[in-house]
Amino acid sequence: MRRSRATSFDWIVFTSRHAVAAVTARLSTKPSGLRIAAVGRATAAVLKQHGWPVDLLPGEPSAAGLVATFATSGFAHGARVLYPASSRALPTLAAGLTQLGAQVTTVEAYRTASGAALDVADCRSWIARDAVGAVTFASPSAVAELESALGREDFARLLAQAPAVAIGPTTARALTERGYAPALAESATLRGLARTSLHALRGDPVSQRGRAPNP
């Protein structure tokens, strides 16, 4: 991405640290006049580490939350928004900002690929023994890939015996759309996901909002 192109936008929105890494690798400093929005505190923290101040941060760390925050912030109709996205990005953010009257340019900043091959036989053995304490999901694609790898029947058996914990509202939505009620991590970070999963493993009361007593 050339600096001259970046300066043609009013806003740039970041939904992950991976997008931040992709953009800052090409632009060492924030282009003058460009305002920055981040979907959550973890992404905002990475931006600040690079010296990019964040102008807009939603209360709810999700694409829908960011759109809602834009809607109540005096967002100018016709604003030009650059959205560096994952290859698997959902349309929520771009569609929501477009409905607000923004001119959104979505660019593929990085590709989300499948990780190491899952040992399906071993996973099914754990499921058969009812030996799984909790299942954590850090992205909607993780939900889809685990369901695809295990098959719907074993995926359903797994989530019938072990609580699912989602890192954020978008990931939680991928589970609720499949008929499951996940706990939501206390913060949209890996630390928050780990803490809420620990509460689930302990048998602490963890709600669908991911709240649990402090250890």
C-alpha atoms as a PDB file:
ATOM      1  CA  MET A   1       0.000   0.000   0.000  1.00  0.00           C
ATOM      2  CA  ARG A   2       1.439   3.351  -1.037  1.00  0.00           C
ATOM      3  CA  ARG A   3       1.256   6.302   1.367  1.00  0.00           C
ATOM      4  CA  SER A   4      -0.262   8.450  -1.370  1.00  0.00           C
ATOM      5  CA  ARG A   5      -3.163   6.025  -1.675  1.00  0.00           C
ATOM      6  CA  ALA A   6      -3.695   5.822   2.081  1.00  0.00           C
ATOM      7  CA  THR A   7      -3.982   9.613   2.355  1.00  0.00           C
ATOM      8  CA  SER A   8      -6.967   9.546  -0.002  1.00  0.00           C
ATOM      9  CA  PHE A   9      -9.086   8.006   2.785  1.00  0.00           C
ATOM     10  CA  ASP A  10     -10.722   9.601   5.820  1.00  0.00           C
ATOM     11  CA  TRP A  11     -10.694   6.475   7.980  1.00  0.00           C
ATOM     12  CA  ILE A  12      -8.923   3.132   8.187  1.00  0.00           C
ATOM     13  CA  VAL A  13     -10.561   0.399  10.268  1.00  0.00           C
ATOM     14  CA  PHE A  14      -8.700  -2.506  11.825  1.00  0.00           C
ATOM     15  CA  THR A  15     -10.385  -5.668  13.060  1.00  0.00           C
ATOM     16  CA  SER A  16      -7.288  -7.680  14.040  1.00  0.00           C
ATOM     17  CA  ARG A  17      -3.606  -7.397  14.905  1.00  0.00           C
ATOM     18  CA  HIS A  18      -2.850  -9.264  11.680  1.00  0.00           C
ATOM     19  CA  ALA A  19      -4.322  -6.399   9.668  1.00  0.00           C
ATOM     20  CA  VAL A  20      -2.272  -3.948  11.728  1.00  0.00           C
ATOM     21  CA  ALA A  21       0.906  -5.928  10.978  1.00  0.00           C
ATOM     22  CA  ALA A  22       0.132  -6.040   7.255  1.00  0.00           C
ATOM     23  CA  VAL A  23      -0.464  -2.279   7.021  1.00  0.00           C
ATOM     24  CA  THR A  24       2.351  -1.084   9.289  1.00  0.00           C
ATOM     25  CA  ALA A  25       4.811  -3.280   7.381  1.00  0.00           C
ATOM     26  CA  ARG A  26       4.175  -0.978   4.400  1.00  0.00           C
ATOM     27  CA  LEU A  27       3.541   2.273   6.257  1.00  0.00           C
ATOM     28  CA  SER A  28       5.943   2.875   9.123  1.00  0.00           C
ATOM     29  CA  THR A  29       4.049   5.961  10.319  1.00  0.00           C
ATOM     30  CA  LYS A  30       0.388   6.938  10.224  1.00  0.00           C
ATOM     31  CA  PRO A  31      -0.465   9.056   7.178  1.00  0.00           C
ATOM     32  CA  SER A  32      -1.412  12.622   8.094  1.00  0.00           C
ATOM     33  CA  GLY A  33      -5.144  13.270   8.366  1.00  0.00           C
ATOM     34  CA  LEU A  34      -6.113   9.585   8.461  1.00  0.00           C
ATOM     35  CA  ARG A  35      -8.325   8.637  11.420  1.00  0.00           C
ATOM     36  CA  ILE A  36      -8.059   5.202  12.983  1.00  0.00           C
ATOM     37  CA  ALA A  37     -10.755   2.831  14.260  1.00  0.00           C
ATOM     38  CA  ALA A  38     -10.079  -0.483  15.979  1.00  0.00           C
ATOM     39  CA  VAL A  39     -12.584  -3.208  16.737  1.00  0.00           C
ATOM     40  CA  GLY A  40     -11.201  -4.087  20.174  1.00  0.00           C
ATOM     41  CA  ARG A  41      -8.684  -3.187  22.856  1.00  0.00           C
ATOM     42  CA  ALA A  42      -6.170  -5.837  21.812  1.00  0.00           C
ATOM     43  CA  THR A  43      -6.053  -4.459  18.269  1.00  0.00           C
ATOM     44  CA  ALA A  44      -5.893  -0.905  19.629  1.00  0.00           C
ATOM     45  CA  ALA A  45      -2.941  -1.861  21.841  1.00  0.00           C
ATOM     46  CA  VAL A  46      -0.977  -3.171  18.856  1.00  0.00           C
ATOM     47  CA  LEU A  47      -1.716   0.021  16.923  1.00  0.00           C
ATOM     48  CA  LYS A  48      -0.466   2.139  19.808  1.00  0.00           C
ATOM     49  CA  GLN A  49       2.720   0.065  19.950  1.00  0.00           C
ATOM     50  CA  HIS A  50       3.350   1.176  16.371  1.00  0.00           C
ATOM     51  CA  GLY A  51       2.628   4.797  17.266  1.00  0.00           C
ATOM     52  CA  TRP A  52      -0.782   4.869  15.577  1.00  0.00           C
ATOM     53  CA  PRO A  53      -3.282   6.603  17.915  1.00  0.00           C
ATOM     54  CA  VAL A  54      -6.802   5.170  17.898  1.00  0.00           C
ATOM     55  CA  ASP A  55      -9.650   7.632  17.352  1.00  0.00           C
ATOM     56  CA  LEU A  56     -12.598   5.262  17.686  1.00  0.00           C
ATOM     57  CA  LEU A  57     -13.012   2.154  19.833  1.00  0.00           C
ATOM     58  CA  PRO A  58     -16.392   0.474  20.353  1.00  0.00           C
ATOM     59  CA  GLY A  59     -17.688  -0.661  23.708  1.00  0.00           C
ATOM     60  CA  GLU A  60     -18.598  -4.035  22.204  1.00  0.00           C
ATOM     61  CA  PRO A  61     -15.508  -5.591  20.549  1.00  0.00           C
ATOM     62  CA  SER A  62     -17.126  -6.742  17.322  1.00  0.00           C
ATOM     63  CA  ALA A  63     -17.709  -5.533  13.776  1.00  0.00           C
ATOM     64  CA  ALA A  64     -21.343  -4.822  14.639  1.00  0.00           C
ATOM     65  CA  GLY A  65     -20.221  -2.906  17.731  1.00  0.00           C
ATOM     66  CA  LEU A  66     -17.870  -0.780  15.647  1.00  0.00           C
ATOM     67  CA  VAL A  67     -20.616   0.021  13.141  1.00  0.00           C
ATOM     68  CA  ALA A  68     -22.934   1.036  16.000  1.00  0.00           C
ATOM     69  CA  THR A  69     -20.235   3.291  17.462  1.00  0.00           C
ATOM     70  CA  PHE A  70     -19.694   4.949  14.089  1.00  0.00           C
ATOM     71  CA  ALA A  71     -23.453   5.493  13.827  1.00  0.00           C
ATOM     72  CA  THR A  72     -23.520   7.489  17.087  1.00  0.00           C
ATOM     73  CA  SER A  73     -20.261   9.400  16.593  1.00  0.00           C
ATOM     74  CA  GLY A  74     -21.327  11.943  14.002  1.00  0.00           C
ATOM     75  CA  PHE A  75     -19.862   9.839  11.197  1.00  0.00           C
ATOM     76  CA  ALA A  76     -19.919  11.939   8.049  1.00  0.00           C
ATOM     77  CA  HIS A  77     -22.004  10.696   5.140  1.00  0.00           C
ATOM     78  CA  GLY A  78     -19.726   9.923   2.195  1.00  0.00           C
ATOM     79  CA  ALA A  79     -16.637   9.305   4.367  1.00  0.00           C
ATOM     80  CA  ARG A  80     -13.986   7.287   2.563  1.00  0.00           C
ATOM     81  CA  VAL A  81     -13.076   4.209   4.590  1.00  0.00           C
ATOM     82  CA  LEU A  82     -10.217   1.789   3.982  1.00  0.00           C
ATOM     83  CA  TYR A  83     -10.799  -1.674   5.426  1.00  0.00           C
ATOM     84  CA  PRO A  84      -7.754  -4.016   5.348  1.00  0.00           C
ATOM     85  CA  ALA A  85      -9.394  -7.386   5.898  1.00  0.00           C
ATOM     86  CA  SER A  86      -8.765 -11.086   6.181  1.00  0.00           C
ATOM     87  CA  SER A  87      -9.399 -13.299   3.171  1.00  0.00           C
ATOM     88  CA  ARG A  88     -12.260 -14.783   5.230  1.00  0.00           C
ATOM     89  CA  ALA A  89     -13.699 -11.541   6.565  1.00  0.00           C
ATOM     90  CA  LEU A  90     -17.453 -11.513   7.089  1.00  0.00           C
ATOM     91  CA  PRO A  91     -19.430  -8.734   5.349  1.00  0.00           C
ATOM     92  CA  THR A  92     -20.749  -7.229   8.604  1.00  0.00           C
ATOM     93  CA  LEU A  93     -18.381  -4.270   8.841  1.00  0.00           C
ATOM     94  CA  ALA A  94     -18.233  -3.241   5.192  1.00  0.00           C
ATOM     95  CA  ALA A  95     -21.994  -3.626   4.746  1.00  0.00           C
ATOM     96  CA  GLY A  96     -22.777  -1.750   7.960  1.00  0.00           C
ATOM     97  CA  LEU A  97     -20.549   1.213   7.119  1.00  0.00           C
ATOM     98  CA  THR A  98     -21.932   1.316   3.583  1.00  0.00           C
ATOM     99  CA  GLN A  99     -25.457   1.547   5.026  1.00  0.00           C
ATOM    100  CA  LEU A 100     -24.271   4.547   7.042  1.00  0.00           C
ATOM    101  CA  GLY A 101     -23.306   6.224   3.780  1.00  0.00           C
ATOM    102  CA  ALA A 102     -19.578   5.492   3.774  1.00  0.00           C
ATOM    103  CA  GLN A 103     -17.552   4.694   0.683  1.00  0.00           C
ATOM    104  CA  VAL A 104     -15.818   1.506   1.809  1.00  0.00           C
ATOM    105  CA  THR A 105     -12.792   0.068   0.032  1.00  0.00           C
ATOM    106  CA  THR A 106     -12.030  -3.450   1.236  1.00  0.00           C
ATOM    107  CA  VAL A 107      -8.566  -4.818   0.512  1.00  0.00           C
ATOM    108  CA  GLU A 108      -7.277  -8.286   1.349  1.00  0.00           C
ATOM    109  CA  ALA A 109      -4.481  -7.534   3.814  1.00  0.00           C
ATOM    110  CA  TYR A 110      -3.740 -11.125   4.798  1.00  0.00           C
ATOM    111  CA  ARG A 111      -4.944 -14.648   4.136  1.00  0.00           C
ATOM    112  CA  THR A 112      -6.433 -16.877   6.815  1.00  0.00           C
ATOM    113  CA  ALA A 113      -5.375 -20.437   6.060  1.00  0.00           C
ATOM    114  CA  SER A 114      -6.077 -23.710   7.813  1.00  0.00           C
ATOM    115  CA  GLY A 115      -3.513 -24.626  10.444  1.00  0.00           C
ATOM    116  CA  ALA A 116      -1.968 -27.993  11.213  1.00  0.00           C
ATOM    117  CA  ALA A 117      -4.049 -31.029  10.286  1.00  0.00           C
ATOM    118  CA  LEU A 118      -6.363 -32.157  13.086  1.00  0.00           C
ATOM    119  CA  ASP A 119      -5.887 -35.677  14.433  1.00  0.00           C
ATOM    120  CA  VAL A 120      -9.546 -36.535  14.025  1.00  0.00           C
ATOM    121  CA  ALA A 121      -9.213 -40.082  15.359  1.00  0.00           C
ATOM    122  CA  ASP A 122      -7.601 -38.835  18.566  1.00  0.00           C
ATOM    123  CA  CYS A 123     -10.254 -36.128  18.964  1.00  0.00           C
ATOM    124  CA  ARG A 124     -13.037 -38.661  18.533  1.00  0.00           C
ATOM    125  CA  SER A 125     -11.382 -40.875  21.138  1.00  0.00           C
ATOM    126  CA  TRP A 126     -11.453 -38.008  23.653  1.00  0.00           C
ATOM    127  CA  ILE A 127     -15.075 -37.280  22.774  1.00  0.00           C
ATOM    128  CA  ALA A 128     -16.019 -40.959  23.217  1.00  0.00           C
ATOM    129  CA  ARG A 129     -14.427 -40.971  26.692  1.00  0.00           C
ATOM    130  CA  ASP A 130     -16.226 -37.737  27.623  1.00  0.00           C
ATOM    131  CA  ALA A 131     -12.755 -36.409  28.476  1.00  0.00           C
ATOM    132  CA  VAL A 132     -12.949 -32.856  27.075  1.00  0.00           C
ATOM    133  CA  GLY A 133     -13.358 -30.128  29.691  1.00  0.00           C
ATOM    134  CA  ALA A 134     -13.948 -27.111  27.444  1.00  0.00           C
ATOM    135  CA  VAL A 135     -13.668 -26.117  23.785  1.00  0.00           C
ATOM    136  CA  THR A 136     -12.237 -22.703  22.898  1.00  0.00           C
ATOM    137  CA  PHE A 137     -12.859 -20.828  19.664  1.00  0.00           C
ATOM    138  CA  ALA A 138     -10.835 -17.771  18.633  1.00  0.00           C
ATOM    139  CA  SER A 139     -12.526 -17.087  15.277  1.00  0.00           C
ATOM    140  CA  PRO A 140     -15.642 -17.976  13.266  1.00  0.00           C
ATOM    141  CA  SER A 141     -13.453 -19.937  10.850  1.00  0.00           C
ATOM    142  CA  ALA A 142     -12.272 -22.122  13.747  1.00  0.00           C
ATOM    143  CA  VAL A 143     -15.898 -23.068  14.397  1.00  0.00           C
ATOM    144  CA  ALA A 144     -16.488 -23.962  10.760  1.00  0.00           C
ATOM    145  CA  GLU A 145     -13.246 -25.898  10.397  1.00  0.00           C
ATOM    146  CA  LEU A 146     -13.714 -27.981  13.546  1.00  0.00           C
ATOM    147  CA  GLU A 147     -17.283 -28.832  12.551  1.00  0.00           C
ATOM    148  CA  SER A 148     -16.098 -29.797   9.075  1.00  0.00           C
ATOM    149  CA  ALA A 149     -13.218 -31.930  10.384  1.00  0.00           C
ATOM    150  CA  LEU A 150     -15.239 -33.811  12.999  1.00  0.00           C
ATOM    151  CA  GLY A 151     -18.509 -33.975  11.132  1.00  0.00           C
ATOM    152  CA  ARG A 152     -21.750 -32.553  12.509  1.00  0.00           C
ATOM    153  CA  GLU A 153     -22.559 -35.579  14.662  1.00  0.00           C
ATOM    154  CA  ASP A 154     -19.274 -35.650  16.569  1.00  0.00           C
ATOM    155  CA  PHE A 155     -19.160 -31.839  16.715  1.00  0.00           C
ATOM    156  CA  ALA A 156     -22.597 -31.915  18.362  1.00  0.00           C
ATOM    157  CA  ARG A 157     -21.486 -34.643  20.799  1.00  0.00           C
ATOM    158  CA  LEU A 158     -18.425 -32.600  21.720  1.00  0.00           C
ATOM    159  CA  LEU A 159     -20.383 -29.441  22.501  1.00  0.00           C
ATOM    160  CA  ALA A 160     -23.057 -31.429  24.338  1.00  0.00           C
ATOM    161  CA  GLN A 161     -20.443 -32.617  26.851  1.00  0.00           C
ATOM    162  CA  ALA A 162     -18.067 -29.648  27.054  1.00  0.00           C
ATOM    163  CA  PRO A 163     -18.812 -25.909  27.282  1.00  0.00           C
ATOM    164  CA  ALA A 164     -17.824 -23.806  24.286  1.00  0.00           C
ATOM    165  CA  VAL A 165     -16.016 -20.526  24.938  1.00  0.00           C
ATOM    166  CA  ALA A 166     -15.873 -17.859  22.202  1.00  0.00           C
ATOM    167  CA  ILE A 167     -13.326 -15.044  22.108  1.00  0.00           C
ATOM    168  CA  GLY A 168     -15.837 -12.435  20.960  1.00  0.00           C
ATOM    169  CA  PRO A 169     -19.403 -11.791  19.765  1.00  0.00           C
ATOM    170  CA  THR A 170     -18.706 -12.615  16.104  1.00  0.00           C
ATOM    171  CA  THR A 171     -17.239 -16.004  17.013  1.00  0.00           C
ATOM    172  CA  ALA A 172     -20.082 -16.597  19.468  1.00  0.00           C
ATOM    173  CA  ARG A 173     -22.565 -15.851  16.691  1.00  0.00           C
ATOM    174  CA  ALA A 174     -21.024 -18.599  14.536  1.00  0.00           C
ATOM    175  CA  LEU A 175     -21.889 -21.031  17.336  1.00  0.00           C
ATOM    176  CA  THR A 176     -25.361 -19.691  18.152  1.00  0.00           C
ATOM    177  CA  GLU A 177     -26.275 -19.902  14.468  1.00  0.00           C
ATOM    178  CA  ARG A 178     -25.525 -23.632  14.781  1.00  0.00           C
ATOM    179  CA  GLY A 179     -27.731 -23.978  17.833  1.00  0.00           C
ATOM    180  CA  TYR A 180     -25.105 -23.771  20.604  1.00  0.00           C
ATOM    181  CA  ALA A 181     -24.927 -21.346  23.535  1.00  0.00           C
ATOM    182  CA  PRO A 182     -21.262 -20.450  24.104  1.00  0.00           C
ATOM    183  CA  ALA A 183     -19.757 -18.525  26.976  1.00  0.00           C
ATOM    184  CA  LEU A 184     -18.232 -15.251  25.871  1.00  0.00           C
ATOM    185  CA  ALA A 185     -14.667 -14.549  26.953  1.00  0.00           C
ATOM    186  CA  GLU A 186     -14.425 -11.820  29.586  1.00  0.00           C
ATOM    187  CA  SER A 187     -12.318  -9.806  27.134  1.00  0.00           C
ATOM    188  CA  ALA A 188     -11.744 -10.285  23.401  1.00  0.00           C
ATOM    189  CA  THR A 189      -8.143 -11.389  23.918  1.00  0.00           C
ATOM    190  CA  LEU A 190      -6.394 -14.742  24.245  1.00  0.00           C
ATOM    191  CA  ARG A 191      -5.908 -13.945  27.934  1.00  0.00           C
ATOM    192  CA  GLY A 192      -9.629 -13.323  28.341  1.00  0.00           C
ATOM    193  CA  LEU A 193     -10.399 -16.530  26.465  1.00  0.00           C
ATOM    194  CA  ALA A 194      -8.025 -18.492  28.708  1.00  0.00           C
ATOM    195  CA  ARG A 195      -9.433 -17.005  31.927  1.00  0.00           C
ATOM    196  CA  THR A 196     -13.032 -17.751  30.995  1.00  0.00           C
ATOM    197  CA  SER A 197     -12.072 -21.266  29.881  1.00  0.00           C
ATOM    198  CA  LEU A 198     -10.379 -21.811  33.247  1.00  0.00           C
ATOM    199  CA  HIS A 199     -13.576 -20.806  35.029  1.00  0.00           C
ATOM    200  CA  ALA A 200     -15.495 -23.267  32.835  1.00  0.00           C
ATOM    201  CA  LEU A 201     -13.032 -26.063  33.649  1.00  0.00           C
ATOM    202  CA  ARG A 202     -13.374 -25.321  37.358  1.00  0.00           C
ATOM    203  CA  GLY A 203     -17.123 -25.515  37.091  1.00  0.00           C
ATOM    204  CA  ASP A 204     -17.568 -21.864  38.026  1.00  0.00           C
ATOM    205  CA  PRO A 205     -20.828 -20.237  36.885  1.00  0.00           C
ATOM    206  CA  VAL A 206     -19.950 -18.688  33.535  1.00  0.00           C
ATOM    207  CA  SER A 207     -22.758 -16.941  31.706  1.00  0.00           C
ATOM    208  CA  GLN A 208     -23.166 -16.451  27.988  1.00  0.00           C
ATOM    209  CA  ARG A 209     -21.574 -13.052  28.555  1.00  0.00           C
ATOM    210  CA  GLY A 210     -18.468 -14.722  29.893  1.00  0.00           C
ATOM    211  CA  ARG A 211     -18.769 -13.352  33.410  1.00  0.00           C
ATOM    212  CA  ALA A 212     -17.394 -15.386  36.302  1.00  0.00           C
ATOM    213  CA  PRO A 213     -16.073 -14.709  39.786  1.00  0.00           C
ATOM    214  CA  ASN A 214     -12.486 -13.506  40.009  1.00  0.00           C
ATOM    215  CA  PRO A 215     -10.085 -16.285  40.979  1.00  0.00           C
END
